[in-house]
């Protein structure tokens, strides 16, 4: 396991990881989780991207009592095209989830980097797919995990139609004006490994702007490995690099930041470390 330079992984929480994808990058998720939790790691939210993947992830990782799960459909073109049928499958998975393990709907959202109208993407269908999952979050009283890339205003406009739903903008990648937009709608903001990259001034300013009761941190494993691991597959242990930088930027101790994110994770997802 990569050794974070802060040395101690105790109490860290990764609120967004794709554990089942680690094996595709040569990492045994089971072995890594055993290492993490034996070292006192605080907890992980394991994230879904396909309508049918929840059951397999629960079967693989539910023996670790500090893991909770999210179930959602990422806006792939195929998912957008089959959104009605796949939303029905997703609802079945939600209904069958073991009690206490399903923490959220997601990830789901809008991606204007990959889905561009100029390239023929079904923008209206993408919005309908997001709205269908917001409907599920509302119906089952679950928070929602939102993916929003190059689509802040469009995402916020849809979320505004669901004031009953709470959630998080995962891997927040905008600046302070967009942070305010989502915060005004009651959302948490979660910062990933890209916070540690060069030329991320607006993102770091947004990190400093977020109220302490709306801040979360994540890896988005196996993507977006932070400095100094950039170029390698990310795993939840690397969230420490984000914690360390976030504590420095906000002018607080690492221990205080751990406590804050633990409180926020419990408030939103019900995961207590």
C-alpha atoms as a PDB file:
ATOM      1  CA  UNK A   1       0.000   0.000   0.000  1.00  0.00           C
ATOM      2  CA  UNK A   2       1.379   3.442  -0.838  1.00  0.00           C
ATOM      3  CA  UNK A   3       2.473   5.108   2.361  1.00  0.00           C
ATOM      4  CA  UNK A   4       0.981   8.564   2.700  1.00  0.00           C
ATOM      5  CA  UNK A   5       3.559  11.040   3.921  1.00  0.00           C
ATOM      6  CA  UNK A   6       1.390  11.985   6.889  1.00  0.00           C
ATOM      7  CA  UNK A   7       1.901   8.433   8.094  1.00  0.00           C
ATOM      8  CA  UNK A   8      -1.427   7.861   9.841  1.00  0.00           C
ATOM      9  CA  UNK A   9      -4.590   6.808   7.976  1.00  0.00           C
ATOM     10  CA  UNK A  10      -6.671   6.518  11.143  1.00  0.00           C
ATOM     11  CA  UNK A  11      -9.956   8.409  10.958  1.00  0.00           C
ATOM     12  CA  UNK A  12      -9.783   9.250   7.257  1.00  0.00           C
ATOM     13  CA  UNK A  13     -13.024   8.880   5.283  1.00  0.00           C
ATOM     14  CA  UNK A  14     -13.247   8.500   1.513  1.00  0.00           C
ATOM     15  CA  UNK A  15     -16.767   9.512   0.509  1.00  0.00           C
ATOM     16  CA  UNK A  16     -16.464   8.412  -3.128  1.00  0.00           C
ATOM     17  CA  UNK A  17     -14.597   5.342  -4.350  1.00  0.00           C
ATOM     18  CA  UNK A  18     -15.244   2.744  -7.047  1.00  0.00           C
ATOM     19  CA  UNK A  19     -13.851  -0.272  -5.222  1.00  0.00           C
ATOM     20  CA  UNK A  20     -14.848  -2.833  -7.830  1.00  0.00           C
ATOM     21  CA  UNK A  21     -12.702  -1.019 -10.427  1.00  0.00           C
ATOM     22  CA  UNK A  22      -9.486  -1.332  -8.426  1.00  0.00           C
ATOM     23  CA  UNK A  23      -8.856  -4.872  -9.644  1.00  0.00           C
ATOM     24  CA  UNK A  24      -8.816  -3.624 -13.242  1.00  0.00           C
ATOM     25  CA  UNK A  25      -5.809  -1.498 -12.217  1.00  0.00           C
ATOM     26  CA  UNK A  26      -3.916  -4.352 -10.587  1.00  0.00           C
ATOM     27  CA  UNK A  27      -5.040  -3.662  -7.017  1.00  0.00           C
ATOM     28  CA  UNK A  28      -6.800  -6.300  -4.941  1.00  0.00           C
ATOM     29  CA  UNK A  29      -9.685  -4.393  -3.333  1.00  0.00           C
ATOM     30  CA  UNK A  30     -10.172  -6.988  -0.598  1.00  0.00           C
ATOM     31  CA  UNK A  31      -6.513  -6.908   0.412  1.00  0.00           C
ATOM     32  CA  UNK A  32      -6.405  -3.114   0.311  1.00  0.00           C
ATOM     33  CA  UNK A  33      -9.539  -2.819   2.437  1.00  0.00           C
ATOM     34  CA  UNK A  34      -8.132  -5.193   5.021  1.00  0.00           C
ATOM     35  CA  UNK A  35      -4.984  -3.059   5.196  1.00  0.00           C
ATOM     36  CA  UNK A  36      -6.952   0.161   5.477  1.00  0.00           C
ATOM     37  CA  UNK A  37      -9.360  -0.898   8.177  1.00  0.00           C
ATOM     38  CA  UNK A  38      -6.718  -2.665  10.219  1.00  0.00           C
ATOM     39  CA  UNK A  39      -4.975   0.719  10.262  1.00  0.00           C
ATOM     40  CA  UNK A  40      -8.049   2.506  11.572  1.00  0.00           C
ATOM     41  CA  UNK A  41      -9.360   3.966   8.315  1.00  0.00           C
ATOM     42  CA  UNK A  42     -12.651   5.693   9.051  1.00  0.00           C
ATOM     43  CA  UNK A  43     -14.938   4.611   6.236  1.00  0.00           C
ATOM     44  CA  UNK A  44     -15.747   4.487   2.528  1.00  0.00           C
ATOM     45  CA  UNK A  45     -18.790   5.100   0.357  1.00  0.00           C
ATOM     46  CA  UNK A  46     -18.618   2.660  -2.564  1.00  0.00           C
ATOM     47  CA  UNK A  47     -20.233   4.198  -5.629  1.00  0.00           C
ATOM     48  CA  UNK A  48     -22.384   2.734  -8.377  1.00  0.00           C
ATOM     49  CA  UNK A  49     -22.363   3.713 -12.036  1.00  0.00           C
ATOM     50  CA  UNK A  50     -24.597   1.047 -13.626  1.00  0.00           C
ATOM     51  CA  UNK A  51     -28.181   0.005 -12.949  1.00  0.00           C
ATOM     52  CA  UNK A  52     -27.296  -3.567 -12.064  1.00  0.00           C
ATOM     53  CA  UNK A  53     -24.011  -3.311 -10.135  1.00  0.00           C
ATOM     54  CA  UNK A  54     -25.190  -2.885  -6.538  1.00  0.00           C
ATOM     55  CA  UNK A  55     -25.777  -6.543  -5.695  1.00  0.00           C
ATOM     56  CA  UNK A  56     -22.309  -7.610  -6.809  1.00  0.00           C
ATOM     57  CA  UNK A  57     -20.630  -4.812  -4.884  1.00  0.00           C
ATOM     58  CA  UNK A  58     -22.580  -5.590  -1.730  1.00  0.00           C
ATOM     59  CA  UNK A  59     -21.627  -9.268  -2.054  1.00  0.00           C
ATOM     60  CA  UNK A  60     -17.957  -8.348  -2.460  1.00  0.00           C
ATOM     61  CA  UNK A  61     -17.509  -5.681   0.216  1.00  0.00           C
ATOM     62  CA  UNK A  62     -20.339  -5.707   2.766  1.00  0.00           C
ATOM     63  CA  UNK A  63     -18.307  -7.766   5.245  1.00  0.00           C
ATOM     64  CA  UNK A  64     -16.409  -4.549   6.002  1.00  0.00           C
ATOM     65  CA  UNK A  65     -18.646  -2.735   8.466  1.00  0.00           C
ATOM     66  CA  UNK A  66     -17.296   0.742   7.631  1.00  0.00           C
ATOM     67  CA  UNK A  67     -18.392   0.614   3.995  1.00  0.00           C
ATOM     68  CA  UNK A  68     -21.722   1.878   2.742  1.00  0.00           C
ATOM     69  CA  UNK A  69     -23.006   1.791  -0.820  1.00  0.00           C
ATOM     70  CA  UNK A  70     -24.589   4.043  -3.416  1.00  0.00           C
ATOM     71  CA  UNK A  71     -26.566   2.849  -6.428  1.00  0.00           C
ATOM     72  CA  UNK A  72     -26.806   4.946  -9.562  1.00  0.00           C
ATOM     73  CA  UNK A  73     -26.480   5.256 -13.319  1.00  0.00           C
ATOM     74  CA  UNK A  74     -23.708   7.374 -14.819  1.00  0.00           C
ATOM     75  CA  UNK A  75     -24.794   9.244 -17.992  1.00  0.00           C
ATOM     76  CA  UNK A  76     -23.185   7.020 -20.598  1.00  0.00           C
ATOM     77  CA  UNK A  77     -24.802   7.293 -24.051  1.00  0.00           C
ATOM     78  CA  UNK A  78     -26.099   3.737 -23.726  1.00  0.00           C
ATOM     79  CA  UNK A  79     -27.592   4.505 -20.322  1.00  0.00           C
ATOM     80  CA  UNK A  80     -29.243   7.648 -21.632  1.00  0.00           C
ATOM     81  CA  UNK A  81     -30.742   5.722 -24.542  1.00  0.00           C
ATOM     82  CA  UNK A  82     -32.093   3.002 -22.245  1.00  0.00           C
ATOM     83  CA  UNK A  83     -32.939   5.272 -19.330  1.00  0.00           C
ATOM     84  CA  UNK A  84     -36.497   4.081 -18.709  1.00  0.00           C
ATOM     85  CA  UNK A  85     -35.666   0.380 -18.588  1.00  0.00           C
ATOM     86  CA  UNK A  86     -32.469   0.932 -16.629  1.00  0.00           C
ATOM     87  CA  UNK A  87     -34.144   3.163 -14.072  1.00  0.00           C
ATOM     88  CA  UNK A  88     -36.590   0.331 -13.416  1.00  0.00           C
ATOM     89  CA  UNK A  89     -33.663  -2.057 -12.887  1.00  0.00           C
ATOM     90  CA  UNK A  90     -32.019   0.432 -10.534  1.00  0.00           C
ATOM     91  CA  UNK A  91     -35.186   0.708  -8.477  1.00  0.00           C
ATOM     92  CA  UNK A  92     -35.316  -3.068  -8.125  1.00  0.00           C
ATOM     93  CA  UNK A  93     -31.733  -3.047  -6.850  1.00  0.00           C
ATOM     94  CA  UNK A  94     -32.608  -0.326  -4.345  1.00  0.00           C
ATOM     95  CA  UNK A  95     -35.605  -2.286  -3.106  1.00  0.00           C
ATOM     96  CA  UNK A  96     -33.519  -5.440  -2.651  1.00  0.00           C
ATOM     97  CA  UNK A  97     -30.584  -3.764  -0.882  1.00  0.00           C
ATOM     98  CA  UNK A  98     -29.849  -5.164   2.582  1.00  0.00           C
ATOM     99  CA  UNK A  99     -31.103  -2.931   5.359  1.00  0.00           C
ATOM    100  CA  UNK A 100     -28.662  -0.274   6.472  1.00  0.00           C
ATOM    101  CA  UNK A 101     -26.149  -0.678   3.662  1.00  0.00           C
ATOM    102  CA  UNK A 102     -27.562   1.610   0.958  1.00  0.00           C
ATOM    103  CA  UNK A 103     -26.540   5.178   1.776  1.00  0.00           C
ATOM    104  CA  UNK A 104     -27.400   7.095  -1.400  1.00  0.00           C
ATOM    105  CA  UNK A 105     -28.530   7.166  -5.002  1.00  0.00           C
ATOM    106  CA  UNK A 106     -25.683   7.844  -7.418  1.00  0.00           C
ATOM    107  CA  UNK A 107     -23.538   8.728  -8.945  1.00  0.00           C
ATOM    108  CA  UNK A 108     -25.611  10.410 -11.606  1.00  0.00           C
ATOM    109  CA  UNK A 109     -25.664  13.766 -13.293  1.00  0.00           C
ATOM    110  CA  UNK A 110     -24.651  15.794 -16.303  1.00  0.00           C
ATOM    111  CA  UNK A 111     -21.365  15.687 -18.206  1.00  0.00           C
ATOM    112  CA  UNK A 112     -20.872  18.287 -20.910  1.00  0.00           C
ATOM    113  CA  UNK A 113     -17.279  17.195 -21.476  1.00  0.00           C
ATOM    114  CA  UNK A 114     -18.258  13.809 -22.877  1.00  0.00           C
ATOM    115  CA  UNK A 115     -21.889  14.469 -23.794  1.00  0.00           C
ATOM    116  CA  UNK A 116     -21.963  17.432 -26.144  1.00  0.00           C
ATOM    117  CA  UNK A 117     -24.978  18.499 -28.182  1.00  0.00           C
ATOM    118  CA  UNK A 118     -22.673  19.451 -31.050  1.00  0.00           C
ATOM    119  CA  UNK A 119     -21.517  15.834 -31.209  1.00  0.00           C
ATOM    120  CA  UNK A 120     -25.050  14.475 -31.234  1.00  0.00           C
ATOM    121  CA  UNK A 121     -25.486  13.681 -27.543  1.00  0.00           C
ATOM    122  CA  UNK A 122     -29.054  13.373 -26.278  1.00  0.00           C
ATOM    123  CA  UNK A 123     -28.956  16.307 -23.856  1.00  0.00           C
ATOM    124  CA  UNK A 124     -32.661  16.134 -23.050  1.00  0.00           C
ATOM    125  CA  UNK A 125     -32.392  12.416 -22.353  1.00  0.00           C
ATOM    126  CA  UNK A 126     -29.409  12.983 -20.086  1.00  0.00           C
ATOM    127  CA  UNK A 127     -31.477  15.401 -18.033  1.00  0.00           C
ATOM    128  CA  UNK A 128     -34.343  12.905 -17.874  1.00  0.00           C
ATOM    129  CA  UNK A 129     -31.982  10.214 -16.594  1.00  0.00           C
ATOM    130  CA  UNK A 130     -30.847  12.518 -13.805  1.00  0.00           C
ATOM    131  CA  UNK A 131     -34.421  13.495 -12.951  1.00  0.00           C
ATOM    132  CA  UNK A 132     -35.466   9.831 -12.793  1.00  0.00           C
ATOM    133  CA  UNK A 133     -32.783   9.207 -10.174  1.00  0.00           C
ATOM    134  CA  UNK A 134     -33.747  12.306  -8.241  1.00  0.00           C
ATOM    135  CA  UNK A 135     -37.263  10.874  -8.207  1.00  0.00           C
ATOM    136  CA  UNK A 136     -35.888   7.658  -6.704  1.00  0.00           C
ATOM    137  CA  UNK A 137     -33.922   9.582  -4.089  1.00  0.00           C
ATOM    138  CA  UNK A 138     -37.071  11.463  -3.157  1.00  0.00           C
ATOM    139  CA  UNK A 139     -39.224   8.331  -3.087  1.00  0.00           C
ATOM    140  CA  UNK A 140     -36.817   6.281  -0.967  1.00  0.00           C
ATOM    141  CA  UNK A 141     -35.655   9.226   1.152  1.00  0.00           C
ATOM    142  CA  UNK A 142     -32.022   8.828   0.208  1.00  0.00           C
ATOM    143  CA  UNK A 143     -29.398  11.488  -0.475  1.00  0.00           C
ATOM    144  CA  UNK A 144     -28.050  11.766  -3.999  1.00  0.00           C
ATOM    145  CA  UNK A 145     -24.488  11.854  -5.337  1.00  0.00           C
ATOM    146  CA  UNK A 146     -24.180  14.231  -8.278  1.00  0.00           C
ATOM    147  CA  UNK A 147     -21.632  14.208 -11.086  1.00  0.00           C
ATOM    148  CA  UNK A 148     -21.452  17.633 -12.741  1.00  0.00           C
ATOM    149  CA  UNK A 149     -18.806  18.467 -15.314  1.00  0.00           C
ATOM    150  CA  UNK A 150     -18.907  21.630 -17.429  1.00  0.00           C
ATOM    151  CA  UNK A 151     -22.605  21.879 -16.566  1.00  0.00           C
ATOM    152  CA  UNK A 152     -22.942  23.787 -13.294  1.00  0.00           C
ATOM    153  CA  UNK A 153     -25.896  25.973 -14.186  1.00  0.00           C
ATOM    154  CA  UNK A 154     -27.791  23.174 -15.938  1.00  0.00           C
ATOM    155  CA  UNK A 155     -27.214  20.826 -13.003  1.00  0.00           C
ATOM    156  CA  UNK A 156     -28.274  23.408 -10.436  1.00  0.00           C
ATOM    157  CA  UNK A 157     -31.445  24.181 -12.383  1.00  0.00           C
ATOM    158  CA  UNK A 158     -32.514  20.533 -12.276  1.00  0.00           C
ATOM    159  CA  UNK A 159     -31.631  20.149  -8.594  1.00  0.00           C
ATOM    160  CA  UNK A 160     -33.717  23.219  -7.779  1.00  0.00           C
ATOM    161  CA  UNK A 161     -36.810  21.293  -8.868  1.00  0.00           C
ATOM    162  CA  UNK A 162     -36.163  18.732  -6.106  1.00  0.00           C
ATOM    163  CA  UNK A 163     -35.853  20.784  -2.902  1.00  0.00           C
ATOM    164  CA  UNK A 164     -36.700  17.725  -0.779  1.00  0.00           C
ATOM    165  CA  UNK A 165     -33.564  15.868  -1.896  1.00  0.00           C
ATOM    166  CA  UNK A 166     -30.241  16.388  -0.154  1.00  0.00           C
ATOM    167  CA  UNK A 167     -26.928  15.400  -1.638  1.00  0.00           C
ATOM    168  CA  UNK A 168     -23.363  16.118  -2.623  1.00  0.00           C
ATOM    169  CA  UNK A 169     -21.635  17.445  -5.708  1.00  0.00           C
ATOM    170  CA  UNK A 170     -18.870  14.892  -5.943  1.00  0.00           C
ATOM    171  CA  UNK A 171     -15.418  15.720  -7.323  1.00  0.00           C
ATOM    172  CA  UNK A 172     -16.311  19.405  -7.277  1.00  0.00           C
ATOM    173  CA  UNK A 173     -14.437  21.001 -10.170  1.00  0.00           C
ATOM    174  CA  UNK A 174     -15.725  24.575 -10.330  1.00  0.00           C
ATOM    175  CA  UNK A 175     -14.967  27.854  -8.574  1.00  0.00           C
ATOM    176  CA  UNK A 176     -16.558  29.894  -5.809  1.00  0.00           C
ATOM    177  CA  UNK A 177     -19.551  31.223  -7.828  1.00  0.00           C
ATOM    178  CA  UNK A 178     -20.607  27.682  -8.679  1.00  0.00           C
ATOM    179  CA  UNK A 179     -19.932  26.554  -5.117  1.00  0.00           C
ATOM    180  CA  UNK A 180     -22.356  29.206  -3.907  1.00  0.00           C
ATOM    181  CA  UNK A 181     -24.904  28.031  -6.484  1.00  0.00           C
ATOM    182  CA  UNK A 182     -24.911  24.475  -5.124  1.00  0.00           C
ATOM    183  CA  UNK A 183     -24.592  25.457  -1.478  1.00  0.00           C
ATOM    184  CA  UNK A 184     -27.676  27.661  -1.845  1.00  0.00           C
ATOM    185  CA  UNK A 185     -29.552  24.521  -2.897  1.00  0.00           C
ATOM    186  CA  UNK A 186     -28.496  22.742   0.276  1.00  0.00           C
ATOM    187  CA  UNK A 187     -25.792  20.522  -1.217  1.00  0.00           C
ATOM    188  CA  UNK A 188     -22.483  19.379   0.220  1.00  0.00           C
ATOM    189  CA  UNK A 189     -19.317  19.742  -1.874  1.00  0.00           C
ATOM    190  CA  UNK A 190     -16.727  16.976  -2.071  1.00  0.00           C
ATOM    191  CA  UNK A 191     -13.163  17.572  -3.233  1.00  0.00           C
ATOM    192  CA  UNK A 192     -11.013  14.895  -4.886  1.00  0.00           C
ATOM    193  CA  UNK A 193      -7.367  14.434  -5.844  1.00  0.00           C
ATOM    194  CA  UNK A 194      -7.488  17.166  -8.474  1.00  0.00           C
ATOM    195  CA  UNK A 195      -7.353  19.650  -5.592  1.00  0.00           C
ATOM    196  CA  UNK A 196      -3.633  18.827  -5.376  1.00  0.00           C
ATOM    197  CA  UNK A 197      -2.887  19.534  -9.053  1.00  0.00           C
ATOM    198  CA  UNK A 198      -1.186  22.659 -10.376  1.00  0.00           C
ATOM    199  CA  UNK A 199      -3.208  25.584 -11.720  1.00  0.00           C
ATOM    200  CA  UNK A 200      -6.262  24.859  -9.585  1.00  0.00           C
ATOM    201  CA  UNK A 201      -6.575  28.289  -7.972  1.00  0.00           C
ATOM    202  CA  UNK A 202     -10.370  28.629  -8.361  1.00  0.00           C
ATOM    203  CA  UNK A 203     -10.896  25.122  -7.001  1.00  0.00           C
ATOM    204  CA  UNK A 204      -8.740  25.835  -3.959  1.00  0.00           C
ATOM    205  CA  UNK A 205     -10.580  29.113  -3.397  1.00  0.00           C
ATOM    206  CA  UNK A 206     -13.853  27.185  -3.458  1.00  0.00           C
ATOM    207  CA  UNK A 207     -12.439  24.739  -0.903  1.00  0.00           C
ATOM    208  CA  UNK A 208     -11.733  27.660   1.414  1.00  0.00           C
ATOM    209  CA  UNK A 209     -15.202  29.117   0.807  1.00  0.00           C
ATOM    210  CA  UNK A 210     -17.250  26.025   1.703  1.00  0.00           C
ATOM    211  CA  UNK A 211     -18.762  26.140   5.210  1.00  0.00           C
ATOM    212  CA  UNK A 212     -17.287  23.547   7.526  1.00  0.00           C
ATOM    213  CA  UNK A 213     -20.603  21.702   7.799  1.00  0.00           C
ATOM    214  CA  UNK A 214     -20.824  21.145   4.015  1.00  0.00           C
ATOM    215  CA  UNK A 215     -17.321  19.868   3.271  1.00  0.00           C
ATOM    216  CA  UNK A 216     -16.434  16.323   2.218  1.00  0.00           C
ATOM    217  CA  UNK A 217     -13.317  14.712   0.760  1.00  0.00           C
ATOM    218  CA  UNK A 218     -12.887  11.769  -1.606  1.00  0.00           C
ATOM    219  CA  UNK A 219     -10.533  10.007  -3.985  1.00  0.00           C
ATOM    220  CA  UNK A 220     -12.854   8.932  -6.827  1.00  0.00           C
ATOM    221  CA  UNK A 221     -10.655   5.820  -6.868  1.00  0.00           C
ATOM    222  CA  UNK A 222      -9.227   4.503  -9.110  1.00  0.00           C
ATOM    223  CA  UNK A 223      -9.292   7.884 -10.890  1.00  0.00           C
ATOM    224  CA  UNK A 224      -7.633  11.229 -10.120  1.00  0.00           C
ATOM    225  CA  UNK A 225      -4.714  10.063  -8.004  1.00  0.00           C
ATOM    226  CA  UNK A 226      -3.422  13.074  -6.065  1.00  0.00           C
ATOM    227  CA  UNK A 227       0.071  14.490  -6.080  1.00  0.00           C
ATOM    228  CA  UNK A 228       2.512  12.812  -5.346  1.00  0.00           C
ATOM    229  CA  UNK A 229       0.843   9.671  -6.757  1.00  0.00           C
ATOM    230  CA  UNK A 230      -0.410  11.175  -9.993  1.00  0.00           C
ATOM    231  CA  UNK A 231      -0.072   8.721 -12.866  1.00  0.00           C
ATOM    232  CA  UNK A 232      -0.843   5.740 -10.624  1.00  0.00           C
ATOM    233  CA  UNK A 233      -4.260   4.226  -9.922  1.00  0.00           C
ATOM    234  CA  UNK A 234      -5.847   5.972  -6.968  1.00  0.00           C
ATOM    235  CA  UNK A 235      -6.989   4.003  -3.957  1.00  0.00           C
ATOM    236  CA  UNK A 236      -8.743   5.204  -0.785  1.00  0.00           C
ATOM    237  CA  UNK A 237      -5.489   5.420   1.191  1.00  0.00           C
ATOM    238  CA  UNK A 238      -4.497   8.369  -1.000  1.00  0.00           C
ATOM    239  CA  UNK A 239      -7.311  10.521   0.363  1.00  0.00           C
ATOM    240  CA  UNK A 240      -4.822  11.580   3.023  1.00  0.00           C
ATOM    241  CA  UNK A 241      -3.079  13.834   0.503  1.00  0.00           C
ATOM    242  CA  UNK A 242      -6.326  15.724  -0.015  1.00  0.00           C
ATOM    243  CA  UNK A 243      -6.964  15.972   3.716  1.00  0.00           C
ATOM    244  CA  UNK A 244      -3.512  17.353   4.336  1.00  0.00           C
ATOM    245  CA  UNK A 245      -3.795  20.040   1.660  1.00  0.00           C
ATOM    246  CA  UNK A 246      -7.372  20.941   2.615  1.00  0.00           C
ATOM    247  CA  UNK A 247      -6.359  21.397   6.268  1.00  0.00           C
ATOM    248  CA  UNK A 248      -3.502  23.664   5.195  1.00  0.00           C
ATOM    249  CA  UNK A 249      -5.712  25.743   2.893  1.00  0.00           C
ATOM    250  CA  UNK A 250      -8.379  26.166   5.548  1.00  0.00           C
ATOM    251  CA  UNK A 251      -5.882  26.898   8.307  1.00  0.00           C
ATOM    252  CA  UNK A 252      -7.029  24.133  10.646  1.00  0.00           C
ATOM    253  CA  UNK A 253      -5.442  21.028  12.092  1.00  0.00           C
ATOM    254  CA  UNK A 254      -5.684  17.704  10.348  1.00  0.00           C
ATOM    255  CA  UNK A 255      -7.434  16.237  13.379  1.00  0.00           C
ATOM    256  CA  UNK A 256     -10.097  18.937  13.276  1.00  0.00           C
ATOM    257  CA  UNK A 257     -10.650  18.322   9.567  1.00  0.00           C
ATOM    258  CA  UNK A 258     -11.037  14.595  10.206  1.00  0.00           C
ATOM    259  CA  UNK A 259     -13.633  15.333  12.862  1.00  0.00           C
ATOM    260  CA  UNK A 260     -15.535  17.729  10.603  1.00  0.00           C
ATOM    261  CA  UNK A 261     -15.675  15.356   7.653  1.00  0.00           C
ATOM    262  CA  UNK A 262     -16.719  12.496   9.931  1.00  0.00           C
ATOM    263  CA  UNK A 263     -19.608  14.587  11.245  1.00  0.00           C
ATOM    264  CA  UNK A 264     -20.619  15.588   7.717  1.00  0.00           C
ATOM    265  CA  UNK A 265     -20.415  12.032   6.411  1.00  0.00           C
ATOM    266  CA  UNK A 266     -22.680  10.867   9.202  1.00  0.00           C
ATOM    267  CA  UNK A 267     -25.097  13.756   8.661  1.00  0.00           C
ATOM    268  CA  UNK A 268     -25.463  13.045   4.953  1.00  0.00           C
ATOM    269  CA  UNK A 269     -24.916   9.293   4.603  1.00  0.00           C
ATOM    270  CA  UNK A 270     -25.387   7.873   8.078  1.00  0.00           C
ATOM    271  CA  UNK A 271     -21.891   6.375   8.072  1.00  0.00           C
ATOM    272  CA  UNK A 272     -20.284   6.602  11.496  1.00  0.00           C
ATOM    273  CA  UNK A 273     -16.603   5.710  11.874  1.00  0.00           C
END
